[in-house]
Amino acid sequence: MKLTVKEIIVESSQTKTVRFIPEEKFNFQPGQFIMLSGLCGGKTVKRAYSIRSSPTKSYIDISVKLTPNPIFSKIREYGKEYGAT
């Protein structure tokens, strides 16, 4: 499934929430995680993130905390330049 970044929400200086819009309806349970993958440095990188949003919403929210030497979490810095599949 393809996701498009709709919005980056600044929660604190260390944490941002990324709001994705899925290309099709995505059913999930509270507390479920989603595996995101993307190209970083020419390699496919996968990371699991807990879904923060309610299953009744049309979007998927994840929160990303700043880490030393981020690889995949650069999505929090560049926002809409990144998509996820």
C-alpha atoms as a PDB file:
ATOM      1  CA  MET A   1       0.000   0.000   0.000  1.00  0.00           C
ATOM      2  CA  LYS A   2       1.238   3.474  -0.785  1.00  0.00           C
ATOM      3  CA  LEU A   3       1.027   6.259   1.810  1.00  0.00           C
ATOM      4  CA  THR A   4       1.362   9.977   1.162  1.00  0.00           C
ATOM      5  CA  VAL A   5       2.597  12.403   3.809  1.00  0.00           C
ATOM      6  CA  LYS A   6      -0.188  14.907   4.417  1.00  0.00           C
ATOM      7  CA  GLU A   7       1.131  16.796   7.418  1.00  0.00           C
ATOM      8  CA  ILE A   8       4.013  16.990   9.895  1.00  0.00           C
ATOM      9  CA  ILE A   9       2.875  17.945  13.413  1.00  0.00           C
ATOM     10  CA  VAL A  10       5.524  19.259  15.815  1.00  0.00           C
ATOM     11  CA  GLU A  11       4.882  17.681  19.218  1.00  0.00           C
ATOM     12  CA  SER A  12       8.137  18.892  20.845  1.00  0.00           C
ATOM     13  CA  SER A  13      11.705  19.746  19.857  1.00  0.00           C
ATOM     14  CA  GLN A  14      12.440  16.001  19.919  1.00  0.00           C
ATOM     15  CA  THR A  15       9.246  14.507  18.475  1.00  0.00           C
ATOM     16  CA  LYS A  16       7.104  14.974  15.384  1.00  0.00           C
ATOM     17  CA  THR A  17       3.955  13.206  14.269  1.00  0.00           C
ATOM     18  CA  VAL A  18       3.714  12.279  10.604  1.00  0.00           C
ATOM     19  CA  ARG A  19       0.191  12.077   9.188  1.00  0.00           C
ATOM     20  CA  PHE A  20      -0.194   9.792   6.195  1.00  0.00           C
ATOM     21  CA  ILE A  21      -3.108   9.380   3.814  1.00  0.00           C
ATOM     22  CA  PRO A  22      -3.378   5.796   2.499  1.00  0.00           C
ATOM     23  CA  GLU A  23      -4.277   5.304  -1.162  1.00  0.00           C
ATOM     24  CA  GLU A  24      -6.998   2.874  -0.086  1.00  0.00           C
ATOM     25  CA  LYS A  25      -8.942   2.129   3.106  1.00  0.00           C
ATOM     26  CA  PHE A  26      -6.656   0.645   5.723  1.00  0.00           C
ATOM     27  CA  ASN A  27      -8.307  -1.283   8.557  1.00  0.00           C
ATOM     28  CA  PHE A  28      -6.323  -1.655  11.757  1.00  0.00           C
ATOM     29  CA  GLN A  29      -6.800  -2.310  15.454  1.00  0.00           C
ATOM     30  CA  PRO A  30      -5.839   0.063  18.283  1.00  0.00           C
ATOM     31  CA  GLY A  31      -2.218  -0.541  19.267  1.00  0.00           C
ATOM     32  CA  GLN A  32      -1.280  -2.076  15.924  1.00  0.00           C
ATOM     33  CA  PHE A  33       1.992  -1.186  14.248  1.00  0.00           C
ATOM     34  CA  ILE A  34       2.798  -0.498  10.614  1.00  0.00           C
ATOM     35  CA  MET A  35       5.993  -1.420   8.790  1.00  0.00           C
ATOM     36  CA  LEU A  36       7.281   1.451   6.646  1.00  0.00           C
ATOM     37  CA  SER A  37       9.957   1.007   4.016  1.00  0.00           C
ATOM     38  CA  GLY A  38      11.888   3.440   1.906  1.00  0.00           C
ATOM     39  CA  LEU A  39      15.184   4.003   0.153  1.00  0.00           C
ATOM     40  CA  CYS A  40      17.903   5.520   2.327  1.00  0.00           C
ATOM     41  CA  GLY A  41      21.427   5.749   0.978  1.00  0.00           C
ATOM     42  CA  GLY A  42      20.545   3.439  -1.903  1.00  0.00           C
ATOM     43  CA  LYS A  43      19.332   0.650   0.404  1.00  0.00           C
ATOM     44  CA  THR A  44      15.819  -0.379   1.330  1.00  0.00           C
ATOM     45  CA  VAL A  45      15.271   0.302   5.022  1.00  0.00           C
ATOM     46  CA  LYS A  46      12.276  -0.937   7.009  1.00  0.00           C
ATOM     47  CA  ARG A  47      11.077   0.336  10.366  1.00  0.00           C
ATOM     48  CA  ALA A  48       8.059  -0.510  12.526  1.00  0.00           C
ATOM     49  CA  TYR A  49       6.004   2.301  14.047  1.00  0.00           C
ATOM     50  CA  SER A  50       2.984   2.165  16.335  1.00  0.00           C
ATOM     51  CA  ILE A  51      -0.106   3.724  14.814  1.00  0.00           C
ATOM     52  CA  ARG A  52      -1.307   6.629  16.980  1.00  0.00           C
ATOM     53  CA  SER A  53      -4.492   7.539  15.166  1.00  0.00           C
ATOM     54  CA  SER A  54      -7.935   6.095  15.736  1.00  0.00           C
ATOM     55  CA  PRO A  55      -9.084   3.312  13.377  1.00  0.00           C
ATOM     56  CA  THR A  56     -12.139   5.475  12.640  1.00  0.00           C
ATOM     57  CA  LYS A  57     -10.022   8.186  10.958  1.00  0.00           C
ATOM     58  CA  SER A  58      -9.156   8.347   7.255  1.00  0.00           C
ATOM     59  CA  TYR A  59      -5.476   8.932   8.028  1.00  0.00           C
ATOM     60  CA  ILE A  60      -2.631   7.125   9.801  1.00  0.00           C
ATOM     61  CA  ASP A  61      -0.492   8.965  12.369  1.00  0.00           C
ATOM     62  CA  ILE A  62       2.899   7.808  13.611  1.00  0.00           C
ATOM     63  CA  SER A  63       5.259   9.680  15.910  1.00  0.00           C
ATOM     64  CA  VAL A  64       8.996   9.845  15.355  1.00  0.00           C
ATOM     65  CA  LYS A  65      11.503  10.832  18.022  1.00  0.00           C
ATOM     66  CA  LEU A  66      14.829  12.413  17.129  1.00  0.00           C
ATOM     67  CA  THR A  67      17.653   9.900  17.487  1.00  0.00           C
ATOM     68  CA  PRO A  68      21.415  10.227  17.086  1.00  0.00           C
ATOM     69  CA  ASN A  69      22.454   9.416  13.494  1.00  0.00           C
ATOM     70  CA  PRO A  70      18.935   8.924  12.128  1.00  0.00           C
ATOM     71  CA  ILE A  71      18.487   6.769   9.051  1.00  0.00           C
ATOM     72  CA  PHE A  72      14.823   6.219   8.281  1.00  0.00           C
ATOM     73  CA  SER A  73      13.542   8.785  10.759  1.00  0.00           C
ATOM     74  CA  LYS A  74      14.773  11.553   8.445  1.00  0.00           C
ATOM     75  CA  ILE A  75      11.146  11.567   7.346  1.00  0.00           C
ATOM     76  CA  ARG A  76      10.582  13.846  10.349  1.00  0.00           C
ATOM     77  CA  GLU A  77      13.053  16.379   8.936  1.00  0.00           C
ATOM     78  CA  TYR A  78      12.085  16.407   5.281  1.00  0.00           C
ATOM     79  CA  GLY A  79       8.393  15.682   5.567  1.00  0.00           C
ATOM     80  CA  LYS A  80       6.662  15.810   2.226  1.00  0.00           C
ATOM     81  CA  GLU A  81       9.785  14.913   0.241  1.00  0.00           C
ATOM     82  CA  TYR A  82       9.304  11.379   1.554  1.00  0.00           C
ATOM     83  CA  GLY A  83       6.533   8.940   0.835  1.00  0.00           C
ATOM     84  CA  ALA A  84       6.191   5.475   2.277  1.00  0.00           C
ATOM     85  CA  THR A  85       5.019   2.171   0.946  1.00  0.00           C
END
